[in-house]
């Protein structure tokens, strides 16, 4: 199972998402082809109701603790962009923001 599938499975098991996207954005960064190091997660569920943004992120980070602790060369996550919303917030926003271009490494 790859990292993207692992993230998806763990979040589906820990929460009751109405909408879940786990997007591998590694191709946008200065990493080898096929890398799984940079992810954007859009998770919409009412488990986040009445929780501040930092509390939502901590919940997700706790679920993905093993993947966040691993070294990048061992399949760990280098960057994780979280977009955690309730259904009400999702209907107001309609989608998560686009990720910016990477300016790190030799791209500057």
PDB file of N, CA and C in Angstrom:
ATOM      1  N   UNK A   1       0.859  -1.175   0.000  1.00  0.00           N
ATOM      2  CA  UNK A   1       0.000   0.000   0.000  1.00  0.00           C
ATOM      3  C   UNK A   1       0.902   1.234   0.000  1.00  0.00           C
ATOM      4  N   UNK A   2       0.590   2.207  -0.847  1.00  0.00           N
ATOM      5  CA  UNK A   2       1.399   3.416  -0.898  1.00  0.00           C
ATOM      6  C   UNK A   2       0.954   4.425   0.173  1.00  0.00           C
ATOM      7  N   UNK A   3       1.719   5.492   0.310  1.00  0.00           N
ATOM      8  CA  UNK A   3       1.457   6.483   1.357  1.00  0.00           C
ATOM      9  C   UNK A   3       0.100   7.150   1.174  1.00  0.00           C
ATOM     10  N   UNK A   4      -0.259   7.471  -0.053  1.00  0.00           N
ATOM     11  CA  UNK A   4      -1.541   8.112  -0.319  1.00  0.00           C
ATOM     12  C   UNK A   4      -2.702   7.220   0.124  1.00  0.00           C
ATOM     13  N   UNK A   5      -2.623   5.935  -0.174  1.00  0.00           N
ATOM     14  CA  UNK A   5      -3.667   4.995   0.242  1.00  0.00           C
ATOM     15  C   UNK A   5      -3.702   4.843   1.763  1.00  0.00           C
ATOM     16  N   UNK A   6      -2.534   4.825   2.372  1.00  0.00           N
ATOM     17  CA  UNK A   6      -2.457   4.718   3.835  1.00  0.00           C
ATOM     18  C   UNK A   6      -3.129   5.901   4.497  1.00  0.00           C
ATOM     19  N   UNK A   7      -2.829   7.103   4.015  1.00  0.00           N
ATOM     20  CA  UNK A   7      -3.454   8.314   4.569  1.00  0.00           C
ATOM     21  C   UNK A   7      -4.969   8.245   4.413  1.00  0.00           C
ATOM     22  N   UNK A   8      -5.419   7.897   3.223  1.00  0.00           N
ATOM     23  CA  UNK A   8      -6.862   7.809   2.948  1.00  0.00           C
ATOM     24  C   UNK A   8      -7.535   6.809   3.881  1.00  0.00           C
ATOM     25  N   UNK A   9      -6.961   5.634   4.005  1.00  0.00           N
ATOM     26  CA  UNK A   9      -7.547   4.590   4.857  1.00  0.00           C
ATOM     27  C   UNK A   9      -7.596   5.006   6.319  1.00  0.00           C
ATOM     28  N   UNK A  10      -6.522   5.589   6.801  1.00  0.00           N
ATOM     29  CA  UNK A  10      -6.484   6.000   8.207  1.00  0.00           C
ATOM     30  C   UNK A  10      -7.505   7.104   8.505  1.00  0.00           C
ATOM     31  N   UNK A  11      -7.626   8.069   7.615  1.00  0.00           N
ATOM     32  CA  UNK A  11      -8.583   9.161   7.844  1.00  0.00           C
ATOM     33  C   UNK A  11     -10.018   8.663   7.738  1.00  0.00           C
ATOM     34  N   UNK A  12     -10.288   7.765   6.805  1.00  0.00           N
ATOM     35  CA  UNK A  12     -11.633   7.181   6.703  1.00  0.00           C
ATOM     36  C   UNK A  12     -11.988   6.378   7.940  1.00  0.00           C
ATOM     37  N   UNK A  13     -11.008   5.714   8.542  1.00  0.00           N
ATOM     38  CA  UNK A  13     -11.256   4.907   9.741  1.00  0.00           C
ATOM     39  C   UNK A  13     -11.433   5.770  10.989  1.00  0.00           C
ATOM     40  N   UNK A  14     -10.727   6.902  11.054  1.00  0.00           N
ATOM     41  CA  UNK A  14     -10.740   7.734  12.260  1.00  0.00           C
ATOM     42  C   UNK A  14     -11.888   8.742  12.294  1.00  0.00           C
ATOM     43  N   UNK A  15     -12.348   9.139  11.135  1.00  0.00           N
ATOM     44  CA  UNK A  15     -13.399  10.161  11.039  1.00  0.00           C
ATOM     45  C   UNK A  15     -14.576   9.608  10.230  1.00  0.00           C
ATOM     46  N   UNK A  16     -15.624  10.399  10.145  1.00  0.00           N
ATOM     47  CA  UNK A  16     -16.762  10.058   9.288  1.00  0.00           C
ATOM     48  C   UNK A  16     -16.884  11.134   8.211  1.00  0.00           C
ATOM     49  N   UNK A  17     -15.937  11.146   7.263  1.00  0.00           N
ATOM     50  CA  UNK A  17     -15.937  12.230   6.278  1.00  0.00           C
ATOM     51  C   UNK A  17     -17.078  12.141   5.265  1.00  0.00           C
ATOM     52  N   UNK A  18     -17.666  13.287   5.010  1.00  0.00           N
ATOM     53  CA  UNK A  18     -18.628  13.417   3.916  1.00  0.00           C
ATOM     54  C   UNK A  18     -17.875  13.574   2.599  1.00  0.00           C
ATOM     55  N   UNK A  19     -16.671  14.131   2.712  1.00  0.00           N
ATOM     56  CA  UNK A  19     -15.817  14.343   1.540  1.00  0.00           C
ATOM     57  C   UNK A  19     -14.374  14.209   2.007  1.00  0.00           C
ATOM     58  N   UNK A  20     -13.568  13.471   1.252  1.00  0.00           N
ATOM     59  CA  UNK A  20     -12.155  13.305   1.572  1.00  0.00           C
ATOM     60  C   UNK A  20     -11.357  13.258   0.288  1.00  0.00           C
ATOM     61  N   UNK A  21     -10.369  14.128   0.194  1.00  0.00           N
ATOM     62  CA  UNK A  21      -9.421  14.113  -0.916  1.00  0.00           C
ATOM     63  C   UNK A  21      -8.030  14.055  -0.318  1.00  0.00           C
ATOM     64  N   UNK A  22      -7.234  13.130  -0.784  1.00  0.00           N
ATOM     65  CA  UNK A  22      -5.825  13.055  -0.415  1.00  0.00           C
ATOM     66  C   UNK A  22      -5.064  13.183  -1.729  1.00  0.00           C
ATOM     67  N   UNK A  23      -4.414  14.317  -1.906  1.00  0.00           N
ATOM     68  CA  UNK A  23      -3.790  14.649  -3.186  1.00  0.00           C
ATOM     69  C   UNK A  23      -2.272  14.655  -3.021  1.00  0.00           C
ATOM     70  N   UNK A  24      -1.617  13.846  -3.810  1.00  0.00           N
ATOM     71  CA  UNK A  24      -0.160  13.814  -3.810  1.00  0.00           C
ATOM     72  C   UNK A  24       0.339  14.978  -4.666  1.00  0.00           C
ATOM     73  N   UNK A  25       0.926  15.975  -4.013  1.00  0.00           N
ATOM     74  CA  UNK A  25       1.436  17.150  -4.720  1.00  0.00           C
ATOM     75  C   UNK A  25       2.966  17.131  -4.831  1.00  0.00           C
ATOM     76  N   UNK A  26       3.539  15.970  -4.655  1.00  0.00           N
ATOM     77  CA  UNK A  26       5.000  15.847  -4.695  1.00  0.00           C
ATOM     78  C   UNK A  26       5.569  16.294  -6.041  1.00  0.00           C
ATOM     79  N   UNK A  27       4.847  16.046  -7.125  1.00  0.00           N
ATOM     80  CA  UNK A  27       5.320  16.414  -8.459  1.00  0.00           C
ATOM     81  C   UNK A  27       5.567  17.914  -8.583  1.00  0.00           C
ATOM     82  N   UNK A  28       4.969  18.709  -7.693  1.00  0.00           N
ATOM     83  CA  UNK A  28       5.125  20.164  -7.731  1.00  0.00           C
ATOM     84  C   UNK A  28       6.411  20.625  -7.031  1.00  0.00           C
ATOM     85  N   UNK A  29       7.187  19.694  -6.507  1.00  0.00           N
ATOM     86  CA  UNK A  29       8.345  20.018  -5.695  1.00  0.00           C
ATOM     87  C   UNK A  29       9.603  19.368  -6.254  1.00  0.00           C
ATOM     88  N   UNK A  30      10.730  19.767  -5.725  1.00  0.00           N
ATOM     89  CA  UNK A  30      12.017  19.288  -6.189  1.00  0.00           C
ATOM     90  C   UNK A  30      12.350  17.948  -5.529  1.00  0.00           C
ATOM     91  N   UNK A  31      11.615  16.913  -5.938  1.00  0.00           N
ATOM     92  CA  UNK A  31      11.803  15.561  -5.409  1.00  0.00           C
ATOM     93  C   UNK A  31      11.852  14.593  -6.590  1.00  0.00           C
ATOM     94  N   UNK A  32      12.398  13.412  -6.375  1.00  0.00           N
ATOM     95  CA  UNK A  32      12.450  12.430  -7.472  1.00  0.00           C
ATOM     96  C   UNK A  32      11.047  12.066  -7.980  1.00  0.00           C
ATOM     97  N   UNK A  33      10.965  11.734  -9.246  1.00  0.00           N
ATOM     98  CA  UNK A  33       9.689  11.319  -9.841  1.00  0.00           C
ATOM     99  C   UNK A  33       9.132  10.125  -9.077  1.00  0.00           C
ATOM    100  N   UNK A  34       7.840  10.135  -8.843  1.00  0.00           N
ATOM    101  CA  UNK A  34       7.172   9.055  -8.126  1.00  0.00           C
ATOM    102  C   UNK A  34       7.189   9.211  -6.616  1.00  0.00           C
ATOM    103  N   UNK A  35       7.726  10.313  -6.125  1.00  0.00           N
ATOM    104  CA  UNK A  35       7.796  10.532  -4.675  1.00  0.00           C
ATOM    105  C   UNK A  35       6.412  10.695  -4.070  1.00  0.00           C
ATOM    106  N   UNK A  36       6.310  10.365  -2.809  1.00  0.00           N
ATOM    107  CA  UNK A  36       5.096  10.576  -2.028  1.00  0.00           C
ATOM    108  C   UNK A  36       5.513  11.295  -0.746  1.00  0.00           C
ATOM    109  N   UNK A  37       5.799  12.575  -0.891  1.00  0.00           N
ATOM    110  CA  UNK A  37       6.336  13.339   0.225  1.00  0.00           C
ATOM    111  C   UNK A  37       5.520  14.577   0.560  1.00  0.00           C
ATOM    112  N   UNK A  38       4.764  15.090  -0.381  1.00  0.00           N
ATOM    113  CA  UNK A  38       3.999  16.320  -0.202  1.00  0.00           C
ATOM    114  C   UNK A  38       2.518  16.038  -0.511  1.00  0.00           C
ATOM    115  N   UNK A  39       1.660  16.258   0.491  1.00  0.00           N
ATOM    116  CA  UNK A  39       0.246  15.951   0.317  1.00  0.00           C
ATOM    117  C   UNK A  39      -0.644  17.113   0.719  1.00  0.00           C
ATOM    118  N   UNK A  40      -1.767  17.190   0.056  1.00  0.00           N
ATOM    119  CA  UNK A  40      -2.844  18.100   0.449  1.00  0.00           C
ATOM    120  C   UNK A  40      -4.028  17.225   0.821  1.00  0.00           C
ATOM    121  N   UNK A  41      -4.590  17.472   2.000  1.00  0.00           N
ATOM    122  CA  UNK A  41      -5.743  16.713   2.470  1.00  0.00           C
ATOM    123  C   UNK A  41      -6.910  17.672   2.638  1.00  0.00           C
ATOM    124  N   UNK A  42      -8.009  17.337   1.993  1.00  0.00           N
ATOM    125  CA  UNK A  42      -9.265  18.063   2.174  1.00  0.00           C
ATOM    126  C   UNK A  42     -10.213  17.075   2.834  1.00  0.00           C
ATOM    127  N   UNK A  43     -10.587  17.379   4.061  1.00  0.00           N
ATOM    128  CA  UNK A  43     -11.487  16.480   4.790  1.00  0.00           C
ATOM    129  C   UNK A  43     -12.650  17.297   5.342  1.00  0.00           C
ATOM    130  N   UNK A  44     -13.838  16.848   4.980  1.00  0.00           N
ATOM    131  CA  UNK A  44     -15.069  17.543   5.374  1.00  0.00           C
ATOM    132  C   UNK A  44     -15.882  16.581   6.219  1.00  0.00           C
ATOM    133  N   UNK A  45     -16.076  16.942   7.480  1.00  0.00           N
ATOM    134  CA  UNK A  45     -16.903  16.094   8.338  1.00  0.00           C
ATOM    135  C   UNK A  45     -17.354  16.891   9.563  1.00  0.00           C
ATOM    136  N   UNK A  46     -18.451  16.474  10.095  1.00  0.00           N
ATOM    137  CA  UNK A  46     -19.005  17.167  11.250  1.00  0.00           C
ATOM    138  C   UNK A  46     -18.291  16.801  12.544  1.00  0.00           C
ATOM    139  N   UNK A  47     -17.287  15.920  12.475  1.00  0.00           N
ATOM    140  CA  UNK A  47     -16.427  15.663  13.631  1.00  0.00           C
ATOM    141  C   UNK A  47     -15.686  16.945  14.036  1.00  0.00           C
ATOM    142  N   UNK A  48     -15.594  17.897  13.119  1.00  0.00           N
ATOM    143  CA  UNK A  48     -14.873  19.142  13.374  1.00  0.00           C
ATOM    144  C   UNK A  48     -15.754  20.258  13.931  1.00  0.00           C
ATOM    145  N   UNK A  49     -17.048  19.987  14.065  1.00  0.00           N
ATOM    146  CA  UNK A  49     -17.961  21.010  14.593  1.00  0.00           C
ATOM    147  C   UNK A  49     -17.500  21.493  15.956  1.00  0.00           C
ATOM    148  N   UNK A  50     -17.567  22.805  16.162  1.00  0.00           N
ATOM    149  CA  UNK A  50     -17.220  23.453  17.426  1.00  0.00           C
ATOM    150  C   UNK A  50     -15.766  23.249  17.834  1.00  0.00           C
ATOM    151  N   UNK A  51     -14.898  22.945  16.860  1.00  0.00           N
ATOM    152  CA  UNK A  51     -13.469  22.815  17.141  1.00  0.00           C
ATOM    153  C   UNK A  51     -12.713  23.891  16.369  1.00  0.00           C
ATOM    154  N   UNK A  52     -11.756  24.511  17.048  1.00  0.00           N
ATOM    155  CA  UNK A  52     -10.918  25.507  16.386  1.00  0.00           C
ATOM    156  C   UNK A  52     -10.029  24.810  15.358  1.00  0.00           C
ATOM    157  N   UNK A  53      -9.510  25.574  14.420  1.00  0.00           N
ATOM    158  CA  UNK A  53      -8.683  25.033  13.349  1.00  0.00           C
ATOM    159  C   UNK A  53      -7.491  24.237  13.891  1.00  0.00           C
ATOM    160  N   UNK A  54      -6.809  24.755  14.893  1.00  0.00           N
ATOM    161  CA  UNK A  54      -5.641  24.064  15.446  1.00  0.00           C
ATOM    162  C   UNK A  54      -6.035  22.714  16.051  1.00  0.00           C
ATOM    163  N   UNK A  55      -7.197  22.646  16.674  1.00  0.00           N
ATOM    164  CA  UNK A  55      -7.670  21.385  17.255  1.00  0.00           C
ATOM    165  C   UNK A  55      -7.978  20.374  16.148  1.00  0.00           C
ATOM    166  N   UNK A  56      -8.529  20.828  15.050  1.00  0.00           N
ATOM    167  CA  UNK A  56      -8.815  19.949  13.912  1.00  0.00           C
ATOM    168  C   UNK A  56      -7.519  19.374  13.347  1.00  0.00           C
ATOM    169  N   UNK A  57      -6.541  20.252  13.176  1.00  0.00           N
ATOM    170  CA  UNK A  57      -5.260  19.812  12.626  1.00  0.00           C
ATOM    171  C   UNK A  57      -4.567  18.828  13.558  1.00  0.00           C
ATOM    172  N   UNK A  58      -4.675  19.084  14.856  1.00  0.00           N
ATOM    173  CA  UNK A  58      -4.073  18.152  15.815  1.00  0.00           C
ATOM    174  C   UNK A  58      -4.726  16.780  15.747  1.00  0.00           C
ATOM    175  N   UNK A  59      -6.034  16.744  15.544  1.00  0.00           N
ATOM    176  CA  UNK A  59      -6.730  15.461  15.402  1.00  0.00           C
ATOM    177  C   UNK A  59      -6.207  14.686  14.196  1.00  0.00           C
ATOM    178  N   UNK A  60      -6.067  15.367  13.079  1.00  0.00           N
ATOM    179  CA  UNK A  60      -5.577  14.716  11.861  1.00  0.00           C
ATOM    180  C   UNK A  60      -4.123  14.289  12.041  1.00  0.00           C
ATOM    181  N   UNK A  61      -3.307  15.179  12.601  1.00  0.00           N
ATOM    182  CA  UNK A  61      -1.897  14.848  12.813  1.00  0.00           C
ATOM    183  C   UNK A  61      -1.723  13.647  13.728  1.00  0.00           C
ATOM    184  N   UNK A  62      -2.589  13.524  14.709  1.00  0.00           N
ATOM    185  CA  UNK A  62      -2.520  12.379  15.623  1.00  0.00           C
ATOM    186  C   UNK A  62      -2.782  11.065  14.869  1.00  0.00           C
ATOM    187  N   UNK A  63      -3.759  11.100  13.976  1.00  0.00           N
ATOM    188  CA  UNK A  63      -4.087   9.907  13.178  1.00  0.00           C
ATOM    189  C   UNK A  63      -2.915   9.528  12.265  1.00  0.00           C
ATOM    190  N   UNK A  64      -2.221  10.534  11.744  1.00  0.00           N
ATOM    191  CA  UNK A  64      -1.131  10.307  10.789  1.00  0.00           C
ATOM    192  C   UNK A  64       0.247  10.369  11.451  1.00  0.00           C
ATOM    193  N   UNK A  65       0.279  10.216  12.751  1.00  0.00           N
ATOM    194  CA  UNK A  65       1.518  10.351  13.519  1.00  0.00           C
ATOM    195  C   UNK A  65       2.659   9.494  12.966  1.00  0.00           C
ATOM    196  N   UNK A  66       2.400   8.244  12.672  1.00  0.00           N
ATOM    197  CA  UNK A  66       3.459   7.352  12.174  1.00  0.00           C
ATOM    198  C   UNK A  66       4.044   7.852  10.852  1.00  0.00           C
ATOM    199  N   UNK A  67       3.191   8.290   9.951  1.00  0.00           N
ATOM    200  CA  UNK A  67       3.651   8.773   8.648  1.00  0.00           C
ATOM    201  C   UNK A  67       4.419  10.089   8.792  1.00  0.00           C
ATOM    202  N   UNK A  68       4.027  10.921   9.728  1.00  0.00           N
ATOM    203  CA  UNK A  68       4.712  12.195   9.935  1.00  0.00           C
ATOM    204  C   UNK A  68       6.066  12.015  10.617  1.00  0.00           C
ATOM    205  N   UNK A  69       6.224  10.947  11.381  1.00  0.00           N
ATOM    206  CA  UNK A  69       7.474  10.690  12.100  1.00  0.00           C
ATOM    207  C   UNK A  69       8.533  10.002  11.235  1.00  0.00           C
ATOM    208  N   UNK A  70       8.112   9.293  10.209  1.00  0.00           N
ATOM    209  CA  UNK A  70       9.052   8.556   9.363  1.00  0.00           C
ATOM    210  C   UNK A  70       9.984   9.510   8.632  1.00  0.00           C
ATOM    211  N   UNK A  71      11.168   9.023   8.361  1.00  0.00           N
ATOM    212  CA  UNK A  71      12.093   9.759   7.506  1.00  0.00           C
ATOM    213  C   UNK A  71      11.507   9.790   6.098  1.00  0.00           C
ATOM    214  N   UNK A  72      11.752  10.876   5.383  1.00  0.00           N
ATOM    215  CA  UNK A  72      11.207  11.000   4.039  1.00  0.00           C
ATOM    216  C   UNK A  72      11.661   9.854   3.138  1.00  0.00           C
ATOM    217  N   UNK A  73      12.907   9.399   3.269  1.00  0.00           N
ATOM    218  CA  UNK A  73      13.409   8.310   2.425  1.00  0.00           C
ATOM    219  C   UNK A  73      12.722   6.989   2.733  1.00  0.00           C
ATOM    220  N   UNK A  74      12.077   6.897   3.900  1.00  0.00           N
ATOM    221  CA  UNK A  74      11.367   5.676   4.287  1.00  0.00           C
ATOM    222  C   UNK A  74       9.863   5.797   4.054  1.00  0.00           C
ATOM    223  N   UNK A  75       9.441   6.728   3.205  1.00  0.00           N
ATOM    224  CA  UNK A  75       8.031   6.878   2.902  1.00  0.00           C
ATOM    225  C   UNK A  75       7.299   7.838   3.806  1.00  0.00           C
ATOM    226  N   UNK A  76       8.039   8.643   4.544  1.00  0.00           N
ATOM    227  CA  UNK A  76       7.415   9.624   5.425  1.00  0.00           C
ATOM    228  C   UNK A  76       6.938  10.848   4.669  1.00  0.00           C
ATOM    229  N   UNK A  77       6.147  11.641   5.336  1.00  0.00           N
ATOM    230  CA  UNK A  77       5.566  12.852   4.755  1.00  0.00           C
ATOM    231  C   UNK A  77       6.459  14.040   5.090  1.00  0.00           C
ATOM    232  N   UNK A  78       6.858  14.786   4.090  1.00  0.00           N
ATOM    233  CA  UNK A  78       7.655  15.991   4.292  1.00  0.00           C
ATOM    234  C   UNK A  78       6.758  17.204   4.518  1.00  0.00           C
ATOM    235  N   UNK A  79       5.652  17.281   3.775  1.00  0.00           N
ATOM    236  CA  UNK A  79       4.738  18.420   3.880  1.00  0.00           C
ATOM    237  C   UNK A  79       3.297  17.936   3.800  1.00  0.00           C
ATOM    238  N   UNK A  80       2.458  18.501   4.669  1.00  0.00           N
ATOM    239  CA  UNK A  80       1.048  18.110   4.716  1.00  0.00           C
ATOM    240  C   UNK A  80       0.202  19.370   4.853  1.00  0.00           C
ATOM    241  N   UNK A  81      -0.514  19.701   3.794  1.00  0.00           N
ATOM    242  CA  UNK A  81      -1.428  20.851   3.812  1.00  0.00           C
ATOM    243  C   UNK A  81      -2.806  20.335   4.185  1.00  0.00           C
ATOM    244  N   UNK A  82      -3.353  20.849   5.277  1.00  0.00           N
ATOM    245  CA  UNK A  82      -4.654  20.377   5.764  1.00  0.00           C
ATOM    246  C   UNK A  82      -5.734  21.419   5.551  1.00  0.00           C
ATOM    247  N   UNK A  83      -6.847  20.957   5.016  1.00  0.00           N
ATOM    248  CA  UNK A  83      -8.043  21.785   4.851  1.00  0.00           C
ATOM    249  C   UNK A  83      -9.166  21.001   5.522  1.00  0.00           C
ATOM    250  N   UNK A  84      -9.459  21.370   6.760  1.00  0.00           N
ATOM    251  CA  UNK A  84     -10.429  20.650   7.590  1.00  0.00           C
ATOM    252  C   UNK A  84     -11.681  21.501   7.738  1.00  0.00           C
ATOM    253  N   UNK A  85     -12.811  20.978   7.296  1.00  0.00           N
ATOM    254  CA  UNK A  85     -14.049  21.759   7.291  1.00  0.00           C
ATOM    255  C   UNK A  85     -15.245  20.935   7.750  1.00  0.00           C
ATOM    256  N   UNK A  86     -16.224  21.637   8.274  1.00  0.00           N
ATOM    257  CA  UNK A  86     -17.525  21.024   8.531  1.00  0.00           C
ATOM    258  C   UNK A  86     -18.319  21.087   7.230  1.00  0.00           C
ATOM    259  N   UNK A  87     -19.430  20.413   7.187  1.00  0.00           N
ATOM    260  CA  UNK A  87     -20.282  20.462   5.991  1.00  0.00           C
ATOM    261  C   UNK A  87     -20.726  21.891   5.701  1.00  0.00           C
ATOM    262  N   UNK A  88     -21.097  22.621   6.728  1.00  0.00           N
ATOM    263  CA  UNK A  88     -21.539  24.009   6.556  1.00  0.00           C
ATOM    264  C   UNK A  88     -20.430  24.861   5.938  1.00  0.00           C
ATOM    265  N   UNK A  89     -19.216  24.702   6.430  1.00  0.00           N
ATOM    266  CA  UNK A  89     -18.087  25.464   5.879  1.00  0.00           C
ATOM    267  C   UNK A  89     -17.793  25.059   4.437  1.00  0.00           C
ATOM    268  N   UNK A  90     -17.909  23.770   4.167  1.00  0.00           N
ATOM    269  CA  UNK A  90     -17.670  23.263   2.811  1.00  0.00           C
ATOM    270  C   UNK A  90     -18.662  23.864   1.824  1.00  0.00           C
ATOM    271  N   UNK A  91     -19.935  23.928   2.221  1.00  0.00           N
ATOM    272  CA  UNK A  91     -20.942  24.499   1.326  1.00  0.00           C
ATOM    273  C   UNK A  91     -20.695  25.983   1.088  1.00  0.00           C
ATOM    274  N   UNK A  92     -20.198  26.692   2.072  1.00  0.00           N
ATOM    275  CA  UNK A  92     -19.889  28.122   1.913  1.00  0.00           C
ATOM    276  C   UNK A  92     -18.677  28.330   1.008  1.00  0.00           C
ATOM    277  N   UNK A  93     -17.631  27.531   1.201  1.00  0.00           N
ATOM    278  CA  UNK A  93     -16.388  27.696   0.438  1.00  0.00           C
ATOM    279  C   UNK A  93     -16.439  27.010  -0.916  1.00  0.00           C
ATOM    280  N   UNK A  94     -17.055  25.844  -0.965  1.00  0.00           N
ATOM    281  CA  UNK A  94     -17.175  25.116  -2.215  1.00  0.00           C
ATOM    282  C   UNK A  94     -15.973  24.267  -2.593  1.00  0.00           C
ATOM    283  N   UNK A  95     -14.783  24.666  -2.146  1.00  0.00           N
ATOM    284  CA  UNK A  95     -13.591  23.874  -2.447  1.00  0.00           C
ATOM    285  C   UNK A  95     -12.434  24.399  -1.607  1.00  0.00           C
ATOM    286  N   UNK A  96     -11.375  23.630  -1.579  1.00  0.00           N
ATOM    287  CA  UNK A  96     -10.158  24.050  -0.878  1.00  0.00           C
ATOM    288  C   UNK A  96      -9.343  24.943  -1.813  1.00  0.00           C
ATOM    289  N   UNK A  97      -8.538  25.813  -1.250  1.00  0.00           N
ATOM    290  CA  UNK A  97      -7.715  26.680  -2.107  1.00  0.00           C
ATOM    291  C   UNK A  97      -6.665  25.881  -2.882  1.00  0.00           C
ATOM    292  N   UNK A  98      -6.238  26.437  -4.000  1.00  0.00           N
ATOM    293  CA  UNK A  98      -5.180  25.818  -4.792  1.00  0.00           C
ATOM    294  C   UNK A  98      -3.862  25.954  -4.039  1.00  0.00           C
ATOM    295  N   UNK A  99      -3.009  24.993  -4.209  1.00  0.00           N
ATOM    296  CA  UNK A  99      -1.695  25.051  -3.577  1.00  0.00           C
ATOM    297  C   UNK A  99      -0.785  25.972  -4.375  1.00  0.00           C
ATOM    298  N   UNK A 100       0.057  26.739  -3.682  1.00  0.00           N
ATOM    299  CA  UNK A 100       0.976  27.634  -4.399  1.00  0.00           C
ATOM    300  C   UNK A 100       2.115  26.843  -5.037  1.00  0.00           C
ATOM    301  N   UNK A 101       2.788  27.473  -5.986  1.00  0.00           N
ATOM    302  CA  UNK A 101       3.948  26.855  -6.608  1.00  0.00           C
ATOM    303  C   UNK A 101       5.063  26.732  -5.575  1.00  0.00           C
ATOM    304  N   UNK A 102       5.835  25.705  -5.693  1.00  0.00           N
ATOM    305  CA  UNK A 102       6.982  25.502  -4.816  1.00  0.00           C
ATOM    306  C   UNK A 102       8.101  26.445  -5.232  1.00  0.00           C
ATOM    307  N   UNK A 103       8.666  27.149  -4.265  1.00  0.00           N
ATOM    308  CA  UNK A 103       9.805  28.027  -4.538  1.00  0.00           C
ATOM    309  C   UNK A 103      11.045  27.545  -3.802  1.00  0.00           C
ATOM    310  N   UNK A 104      10.971  26.350  -3.258  1.00  0.00           N
ATOM    311  CA  UNK A 104      12.094  25.804  -2.498  1.00  0.00           C
ATOM    312  C   UNK A 104      13.122  25.144  -3.383  1.00  0.00           C
ATOM    313  N   UNK A 105      14.197  24.695  -2.763  1.00  0.00           N
ATOM    314  CA  UNK A 105      15.245  23.999  -3.482  1.00  0.00           C
ATOM    315  C   UNK A 105      15.882  24.851  -4.543  1.00  0.00           C
ATOM    316  N   UNK A 106      16.065  24.290  -5.730  1.00  0.00           N
ATOM    317  CA  UNK A 106      16.744  25.021  -6.812  1.00  0.00           C
ATOM    318  C   UNK A 106      15.774  25.797  -7.690  1.00  0.00           C
ATOM    319  N   UNK A 107      14.507  25.932  -7.280  1.00  0.00           N
ATOM    320  CA  UNK A 107      13.503  26.620  -8.100  1.00  0.00           C
ATOM    321  C   UNK A 107      13.496  28.125  -7.854  1.00  0.00           C
ATOM    322  N   UNK A 108      14.271  28.602  -6.876  1.00  0.00           N
ATOM    323  CA  UNK A 108      14.281  30.038  -6.577  1.00  0.00           C
ATOM    324  C   UNK A 108      15.085  30.804  -7.597  1.00  0.00           C
TER     325      UNK A 108
END
